[in-house]
């Protein structure tokens, strides 16, 4: 039994050392150290499994909470630096609520529920800018080309037909998009200010003047629906 106890002590010492001097996991290190100290103080396996059982259980939960806090803190700092406000919101909520966990299942439940809710928030936040930058602008450019193309007289009717088709495709794509996003956020409507948010604007290579032009064209098109 003494050999088993020594193995336990060695194992938890190694766990503690994983986080030693790592600024990203400072809370995990303190938690692992407390767990290691508790086990190292055991005089026998009976002492460990019985006398220290309650303390070990509590320390194990604190250990899980500490790891979640370190991970959420690291992600939060990164998201704030990158101005990813919606993703940061989820990590902040985890930090606000995880201390209430009293067992391993609650730790998993709290993190899972918050992350699932935040995933929906992120999806709603990204759907519109992604649609606008990758789909809507493409249709608007095609409409502009077919409308303003300089062609021989006998091709003008064909270009007008092409413009009408591009407008039709634009409106069909818009209707499909609205149905999709309103499945996540009922009552959602166009939010052009969102396109200028750093987390989205950085994904679009157009200069500000051209982007503003496409926004105004989009606004005019959808207001006719």
Protein backbone atom coordinates (compact mmCIF):
# COMPACT_ATOMS: atom_id res chain seq x y z
CA UNK A 1 0.00 0.00 0.00
CA UNK A 2 2.88 2.36 0.69
CA UNK A 3 4.08 1.90 -2.90
CA UNK A 4 0.64 2.86 -4.20
CA UNK A 5 0.61 5.95 -2.00
CA UNK A 6 4.03 6.96 -3.30
CA UNK A 7 2.74 6.57 -6.85
CA UNK A 8 -0.17 8.85 -6.01
CA UNK A 9 2.18 11.44 -4.55
CA UNK A 10 4.45 11.30 -7.60
CA UNK A 11 1.53 11.53 -10.01
CA UNK A 12 0.03 14.63 -8.40
CA UNK A 13 3.42 16.25 -8.11
CA UNK A 14 3.89 15.81 -11.87
CA UNK A 15 0.44 17.27 -12.48
CA UNK A 16 1.34 20.31 -10.42
CA UNK A 17 4.63 20.76 -12.26
CA UNK A 18 2.85 20.96 -15.63
CA UNK A 19 1.61 24.44 -14.72
CA UNK A 20 4.53 25.69 -12.65
CA UNK A 21 5.73 29.15 -13.80
CA UNK A 22 3.11 29.20 -16.56
CA UNK A 23 1.33 32.60 -16.37
CA UNK A 24 -1.59 31.29 -18.45
CA UNK A 25 -2.40 28.65 -15.82
CA UNK A 26 -1.65 30.41 -12.55
CA UNK A 27 -4.95 29.40 -10.92
CA UNK A 28 -4.55 25.80 -12.06
CA UNK A 29 -1.07 25.71 -10.56
CA UNK A 30 -2.31 26.91 -7.19
CA UNK A 31 -5.15 24.40 -7.29
CA UNK A 32 -2.88 21.52 -8.31
CA UNK A 33 -0.41 22.53 -5.58
CA UNK A 34 -3.14 22.41 -2.94
CA UNK A 35 -4.17 18.98 -4.19
CA UNK A 36 -0.56 17.79 -4.24
CA UNK A 37 0.08 19.12 -0.73
CA UNK A 38 -3.01 17.35 0.59
CA UNK A 39 -1.97 14.00 -0.88
CA UNK A 40 1.66 14.44 0.11
CA UNK A 41 0.60 14.91 3.74
CA UNK A 42 -1.15 11.53 3.86
CA UNK A 43 0.53 8.99 6.12
CA UNK A 44 -1.17 5.97 4.50
CA UNK A 45 -3.71 5.01 1.87
CA UNK A 46 -6.31 4.66 4.61
CA UNK A 47 -5.54 8.19 5.73
CA UNK A 48 -5.82 9.42 2.15
CA UNK A 49 -9.04 7.61 1.24
CA UNK A 50 -10.91 8.20 4.47
CA UNK A 51 -9.55 10.98 6.68
CA UNK A 52 -8.80 13.24 3.73
CA UNK A 53 -11.66 12.10 1.48
CA UNK A 54 -13.82 15.22 1.86
CA UNK A 55 -10.88 17.57 1.42
CA UNK A 56 -9.79 15.67 -1.70
CA UNK A 57 -13.27 15.87 -3.20
CA UNK A 58 -13.46 19.62 -2.61
CA UNK A 59 -9.98 20.18 -3.98
CA UNK A 60 -10.79 18.15 -7.10
CA UNK A 61 -13.80 20.38 -7.81
CA UNK A 62 -11.72 23.51 -7.17
CA UNK A 63 -9.13 22.08 -9.54
CA UNK A 64 -11.69 21.75 -12.33
CA UNK A 65 -13.02 25.25 -11.69
CA UNK A 66 -9.50 26.69 -11.74
CA UNK A 67 -8.73 25.10 -15.10
CA UNK A 68 -11.94 26.45 -16.62
CA UNK A 69 -11.12 29.91 -15.25
CA UNK A 70 -7.62 29.87 -16.69
CA UNK A 71 -8.87 28.76 -20.09
CA UNK A 72 -11.71 31.29 -20.14
CA UNK A 73 -9.40 34.09 -19.00
CA UNK A 74 -6.92 33.31 -21.76
CA UNK A 75 -9.66 33.23 -24.41
CA UNK A 76 -11.27 36.39 -23.04
CA UNK A 77 -8.01 38.33 -23.24
CA UNK A 78 -7.46 37.18 -26.83
CA UNK A 79 -11.02 38.01 -27.91
CA UNK A 80 -10.86 41.46 -26.32
CA UNK A 81 -7.54 42.15 -28.04
CA UNK A 82 -9.06 41.14 -31.39
CA UNK A 83 -12.28 43.07 -30.64
CA UNK A 84 -14.32 39.88 -30.90
CA UNK A 85 -16.98 41.25 -28.58
CA UNK A 86 -19.57 38.48 -28.93
CA UNK A 87 -17.09 35.65 -28.32
CA UNK A 88 -15.66 37.60 -25.37
CA UNK A 89 -19.15 37.85 -23.89
CA UNK A 90 -19.39 34.06 -23.62
CA UNK A 91 -16.04 33.72 -21.85
CA UNK A 92 -16.92 36.49 -19.41
CA UNK A 93 -20.17 34.74 -18.53
CA UNK A 94 -18.26 31.52 -17.85
CA UNK A 95 -15.95 33.41 -15.50
CA UNK A 96 -18.94 35.01 -13.77
CA UNK A 97 -20.75 31.72 -13.14
CA UNK A 98 -18.26 28.85 -12.90
CA UNK A 99 -17.41 29.43 -9.22
CA UNK A 100 -20.92 28.25 -8.34
CA UNK A 101 -20.11 24.68 -9.45
CA UNK A 102 -20.03 22.15 -6.63
CA UNK A 103 -19.14 19.00 -8.58
CA UNK A 104 -17.70 17.84 -11.88
CA UNK A 105 -21.10 17.52 -13.58
CA UNK A 106 -21.99 21.12 -12.71
CA UNK A 107 -18.69 22.33 -14.15
CA UNK A 108 -19.47 20.57 -17.43
CA UNK A 109 -23.10 21.74 -17.40
CA UNK A 110 -22.32 25.41 -16.75
CA UNK A 111 -19.63 25.59 -19.43
CA UNK A 112 -21.68 23.62 -21.98
CA UNK A 113 -24.85 25.68 -21.53
CA UNK A 114 -23.06 29.02 -21.73
CA UNK A 115 -20.97 27.93 -24.72
CA UNK A 116 -24.03 26.62 -26.57
CA UNK A 117 -25.88 29.90 -26.02
CA UNK A 118 -22.84 31.92 -27.07
CA UNK A 119 -22.38 29.79 -30.19
CA UNK A 120 -25.86 30.88 -31.32
CA UNK A 121 -25.00 34.51 -30.56
CA UNK A 122 -21.79 34.20 -32.58
CA UNK A 123 -23.67 32.54 -35.45
CA UNK A 124 -26.25 35.33 -35.60
CA UNK A 125 -23.49 37.93 -35.37
CA UNK A 126 -21.53 36.39 -38.26
CA UNK A 127 -24.34 35.38 -40.62
CA UNK A 128 -25.22 38.84 -41.88
CA UNK A 129 -21.67 40.17 -42.48
CA UNK A 130 -20.68 36.88 -44.11
CA UNK A 131 -23.71 37.00 -46.40
CA UNK A 132 -23.13 40.63 -47.29
CA UNK A 133 -19.39 40.35 -47.98
CA UNK A 134 -19.44 37.02 -49.82
CA UNK A 135 -22.85 36.91 -51.54
CA UNK A 136 -24.69 40.23 -51.63
CA UNK A 137 -21.71 42.26 -52.86
CA UNK A 138 -21.17 39.73 -55.65
CA UNK A 139 -24.73 40.19 -56.89
CA UNK A 140 -24.46 43.98 -56.60
CA UNK A 141 -21.27 43.97 -58.65
CA UNK A 142 -22.94 41.81 -61.33
CA UNK A 143 -25.90 44.17 -61.44
CA UNK A 144 -23.57 47.14 -61.87
CA UNK A 145 -21.64 45.43 -64.68
CA UNK A 146 -24.75 44.41 -66.62
CA UNK A 147 -26.32 47.86 -66.13
CA UNK A 148 -23.31 49.98 -67.09
CA UNK A 149 -21.55 47.79 -69.64
CA UNK A 150 -20.72 49.61 -72.87
CA UNK A 151 -21.89 47.27 -75.62
CA UNK A 152 -23.06 47.54 -79.25
CA UNK A 153 -26.68 48.47 -79.73
CA UNK A 154 -27.71 44.94 -80.66
CA UNK A 155 -26.42 43.72 -77.26
CA UNK A 156 -28.25 46.25 -75.07
CA UNK A 157 -31.40 44.16 -74.81
CA UNK A 158 -29.32 41.17 -73.74
CA UNK A 159 -27.57 43.24 -71.05
CA UNK A 160 -30.91 44.53 -69.78
CA UNK A 161 -32.13 40.96 -69.60
CA UNK A 162 -28.97 40.02 -67.70
CA UNK A 163 -29.44 42.91 -65.28
CA UNK A 164 -33.01 41.83 -64.59
CA UNK A 165 -31.83 38.27 -63.97
CA UNK A 166 -29.13 39.47 -61.57
CA UNK A 167 -31.68 41.51 -59.67
CA UNK A 168 -33.98 38.50 -59.48
CA UNK A 169 -31.16 36.30 -58.16
CA UNK A 170 -30.23 38.97 -55.62
CA UNK A 171 -33.78 39.13 -54.26
CA UNK A 172 -34.10 35.34 -54.13
CA UNK A 173 -30.80 35.08 -52.26
CA UNK A 174 -31.96 37.82 -49.87
CA UNK A 175 -35.19 35.98 -49.10
CA UNK A 176 -33.34 32.73 -48.38
CA UNK A 177 -30.92 34.57 -46.10
CA UNK A 178 -33.68 36.29 -44.14
CA UNK A 179 -35.43 32.97 -43.54
CA UNK A 180 -32.20 31.39 -42.33
CA UNK A 181 -31.16 34.12 -39.91
CA UNK A 182 -34.66 34.57 -38.51
CA UNK A 183 -34.65 30.92 -37.53
CA UNK A 184 -31.96 31.93 -35.03
CA UNK A 185 -33.18 35.44 -34.26
CA UNK A 186 -36.91 35.99 -34.92
CA UNK A 187 -37.64 39.54 -36.04
CA UNK A 188 -34.05 40.18 -37.13
CA UNK A 189 -33.64 43.09 -39.55
CA UNK A 190 -30.84 44.70 -41.52
CA UNK A 191 -28.04 46.09 -39.34
CA UNK A 192 -25.60 48.00 -41.53
CA UNK A 193 -23.62 49.34 -38.57
CA UNK A 194 -22.61 45.78 -37.74
CA UNK A 195 -20.68 45.61 -41.03
CA UNK A 196 -18.34 48.32 -39.76
CA UNK A 197 -17.47 46.52 -36.52
CA UNK A 198 -13.77 45.65 -36.49
CA UNK A 199 -14.38 41.90 -36.17
CA UNK A 200 -16.28 41.98 -39.48
CA UNK A 201 -14.76 44.95 -41.30
CA UNK A 202 -11.30 43.35 -41.21
CA UNK A 203 -12.60 40.52 -43.41
CA UNK A 204 -13.60 42.83 -46.28
CA UNK A 205 -10.83 44.21 -48.57
CA UNK A 206 -12.97 46.99 -50.08
CA UNK A 207 -12.09 50.54 -49.12
CA UNK A 208 -14.57 52.50 -47.03
CA UNK A 209 -16.02 54.46 -49.95
CA UNK A 210 -16.78 51.36 -52.00
CA UNK A 211 -18.17 49.52 -48.99
CA UNK A 212 -20.48 52.45 -48.25
CA UNK A 213 -21.59 52.45 -51.90
CA UNK A 214 -22.49 48.74 -51.73
CA UNK A 215 -24.36 49.29 -48.47
CA UNK A 216 -26.46 52.04 -50.02
CA UNK A 217 -27.16 49.86 -53.08
CA UNK A 218 -28.19 46.99 -50.83
CA UNK A 219 -30.41 49.22 -48.75
CA UNK A 220 -32.17 50.54 -51.86
CA UNK A 221 -32.71 47.04 -53.23
CA UNK A 222 -34.18 45.49 -50.08
CA UNK A 223 -36.40 48.50 -49.36
CA UNK A 224 -38.17 47.81 -52.64
CA UNK A 225 -39.23 44.35 -51.46
